[in-house]
Amino acid sequence: MKTKIIKIDSSQGIKLSKVILKKLGTTKELELEIEQDKIVIRSQKTNRKGWKNAFKKMSENKDDNLLDELTNQSSWDETEWVWEEKNETV
């Protein structure tokens, strides 16, 4: 597909059709990357995508305990760490 570079205010850009954006699964933001002599356009990666369902499954499986609450842990933290109190004056 070819497209023309157009003036947008004091910048330049290209128009992307709704069909292309729909195929990418986005309408808001895209990621642009330069690879050698190419501009690569990708749909923006969604951080934490699927976490809600994963946490729900963990809860259903009773696999969402805090690590500190697990039994049979070693006492390494209690015996090896040395905590120093720092006195700071403001």
C-alpha atoms as a PDB file:
ATOM      1  CA  MET A   1       0.000   0.000   0.000  1.00  0.00           C
ATOM      2  CA  LYS A   2       1.260   3.472  -0.827  1.00  0.00           C
ATOM      3  CA  THR A   3       0.329   6.650   0.969  1.00  0.00           C
ATOM      4  CA  LYS A   4       1.402  10.266   0.659  1.00  0.00           C
ATOM      5  CA  ILE A   5       3.137  12.320   3.298  1.00  0.00           C
ATOM      6  CA  ILE A   6       0.861  15.189   4.282  1.00  0.00           C
ATOM      7  CA  LYS A   7       1.317  18.386   6.237  1.00  0.00           C
ATOM      8  CA  ILE A   8      -0.165  18.315   9.758  1.00  0.00           C
ATOM      9  CA  ASP A   9       0.221  21.722  11.427  1.00  0.00           C
ATOM     10  CA  SER A  10       3.979  22.330  11.513  1.00  0.00           C
ATOM     11  CA  SER A  11       4.768  18.616  11.135  1.00  0.00           C
ATOM     12  CA  GLN A  12       4.275  15.947   8.518  1.00  0.00           C
ATOM     13  CA  GLY A  13       2.489  12.636   8.741  1.00  0.00           C
ATOM     14  CA  ILE A  14       0.553   9.924   6.998  1.00  0.00           C
ATOM     15  CA  LYS A  15      -3.085   8.894   7.178  1.00  0.00           C
ATOM     16  CA  LEU A  16      -3.979   5.339   8.139  1.00  0.00           C
ATOM     17  CA  SER A  17      -7.334   3.928   7.156  1.00  0.00           C
ATOM     18  CA  LYS A  18      -9.797   2.607   9.728  1.00  0.00           C
ATOM     19  CA  VAL A  19      -9.364  -0.848   8.182  1.00  0.00           C
ATOM     20  CA  ILE A  20      -5.641  -0.867   8.982  1.00  0.00           C
ATOM     21  CA  LEU A  21      -6.213   0.355  12.531  1.00  0.00           C
ATOM     22  CA  LYS A  22      -8.906  -2.259  13.043  1.00  0.00           C
ATOM     23  CA  LYS A  23      -6.563  -5.015  11.841  1.00  0.00           C
ATOM     24  CA  LEU A  24      -3.974  -3.789  14.334  1.00  0.00           C
ATOM     25  CA  GLY A  25      -6.620  -3.802  17.059  1.00  0.00           C
ATOM     26  CA  THR A  26      -6.108  -0.165  18.009  1.00  0.00           C
ATOM     27  CA  THR A  27      -7.625   3.246  17.491  1.00  0.00           C
ATOM     28  CA  LYS A  28      -5.667   5.364  19.982  1.00  0.00           C
ATOM     29  CA  GLU A  29      -1.903   4.845  19.939  1.00  0.00           C
ATOM     30  CA  LEU A  30       0.693   3.014  17.878  1.00  0.00           C
ATOM     31  CA  GLU A  31       4.360   2.164  18.357  1.00  0.00           C
ATOM     32  CA  LEU A  32       6.779   3.380  15.694  1.00  0.00           C
ATOM     33  CA  GLU A  33      10.221   1.901  15.278  1.00  0.00           C
ATOM     34  CA  ILE A  34      12.959   2.474  12.725  1.00  0.00           C
ATOM     35  CA  GLU A  35      14.655  -0.687  11.474  1.00  0.00           C
ATOM     36  CA  GLN A  36      17.400   0.065   8.962  1.00  0.00           C
ATOM     37  CA  ASP A  37      15.581   1.888   6.145  1.00  0.00           C
ATOM     38  CA  LYS A  38      12.044   1.020   7.320  1.00  0.00           C
ATOM     39  CA  ILE A  39       9.461   2.544   9.615  1.00  0.00           C
ATOM     40  CA  VAL A  40       7.700  -0.269  11.461  1.00  0.00           C
ATOM     41  CA  ILE A  41       4.239   0.501  12.843  1.00  0.00           C
ATOM     42  CA  ARG A  42       2.835  -1.799  15.529  1.00  0.00           C
ATOM     43  CA  SER A  43      -0.175  -1.717  17.759  1.00  0.00           C
ATOM     44  CA  GLN A  44       0.883  -0.526  21.192  1.00  0.00           C
ATOM     45  CA  LYS A  45       1.778  -3.278  23.599  1.00  0.00           C
ATOM     46  CA  THR A  46      -0.708  -3.443  26.406  1.00  0.00           C
ATOM     47  CA  ASN A  47       1.040  -3.760  29.739  1.00  0.00           C
ATOM     48  CA  ARG A  48      -0.559  -6.221  32.115  1.00  0.00           C
ATOM     49  CA  LYS A  49      -2.888  -7.525  29.431  1.00  0.00           C
ATOM     50  CA  GLY A  50      -4.619 -10.619  30.768  1.00  0.00           C
ATOM     51  CA  TRP A  51      -3.491 -10.061  34.367  1.00  0.00           C
ATOM     52  CA  LYS A  52      -7.052  -9.637  35.634  1.00  0.00           C
ATOM     53  CA  ASN A  53      -8.073 -13.087  34.389  1.00  0.00           C
ATOM     54  CA  ALA A  54      -4.810 -14.641  35.577  1.00  0.00           C
ATOM     55  CA  PHE A  55      -5.273 -13.262  39.102  1.00  0.00           C
ATOM     56  CA  LYS A  56      -8.889 -14.422  39.124  1.00  0.00           C
ATOM     57  CA  LYS A  57      -7.791 -17.972  38.233  1.00  0.00           C
ATOM     58  CA  MET A  58      -5.069 -17.854  40.879  1.00  0.00           C
ATOM     59  CA  SER A  59      -7.647 -16.837  43.467  1.00  0.00           C
ATOM     60  CA  GLU A  60     -10.030 -19.595  42.411  1.00  0.00           C
ATOM     61  CA  ASN A  61      -7.195 -22.138  42.685  1.00  0.00           C
ATOM     62  CA  LYS A  62      -6.113 -20.732  46.084  1.00  0.00           C
ATOM     63  CA  ASP A  63      -2.736 -20.000  44.507  1.00  0.00           C
ATOM     64  CA  ASP A  64      -2.608 -16.338  45.495  1.00  0.00           C
ATOM     65  CA  ASN A  65      -0.946 -16.550  48.909  1.00  0.00           C
ATOM     66  CA  LEU A  66       1.723 -14.070  49.848  1.00  0.00           C
ATOM     67  CA  LEU A  67       5.180 -15.596  49.766  1.00  0.00           C
ATOM     68  CA  ASP A  68       5.774 -14.528  53.359  1.00  0.00           C
ATOM     69  CA  GLU A  69       2.861 -16.690  54.445  1.00  0.00           C
ATOM     70  CA  LEU A  70       4.179 -19.876  52.863  1.00  0.00           C
ATOM     71  CA  THR A  71       5.387 -22.594  55.187  1.00  0.00           C
ATOM     72  CA  ASN A  72       8.744 -24.375  55.092  1.00  0.00           C
ATOM     73  CA  GLN A  73      10.680 -21.266  54.151  1.00  0.00           C
ATOM     74  CA  SER A  74      14.293 -21.014  55.135  1.00  0.00           C
ATOM     75  CA  SER A  75      15.340 -18.649  57.878  1.00  0.00           C
ATOM     76  CA  TRP A  76      18.036 -17.106  55.684  1.00  0.00           C
ATOM     77  CA  ASP A  77      16.449 -13.640  55.805  1.00  0.00           C
ATOM     78  CA  GLU A  78      16.270 -13.659  59.566  1.00  0.00           C
ATOM     79  CA  THR A  79      19.840 -14.878  60.125  1.00  0.00           C
ATOM     80  CA  GLU A  80      21.812 -13.316  57.267  1.00  0.00           C
ATOM     81  CA  TRP A  81      20.442  -9.797  56.962  1.00  0.00           C
ATOM     82  CA  VAL A  82      21.828  -7.103  59.206  1.00  0.00           C
ATOM     83  CA  TRP A  83      19.562  -4.118  59.606  1.00  0.00           C
ATOM     84  CA  GLU A  84      21.144  -0.819  60.481  1.00  0.00           C
ATOM     85  CA  GLU A  85      19.189   2.070  61.839  1.00  0.00           C
ATOM     86  CA  LYS A  86      20.015   5.292  60.073  1.00  0.00           C
ATOM     87  CA  ASN A  87      19.634   8.500  62.041  1.00  0.00           C
ATOM     88  CA  GLU A  88      18.855  11.384  59.754  1.00  0.00           C
ATOM     89  CA  THR A  89      18.373  14.950  60.873  1.00  0.00           C
ATOM     90  CA  VAL A  90      16.413  17.397  58.791  1.00  0.00           C
END
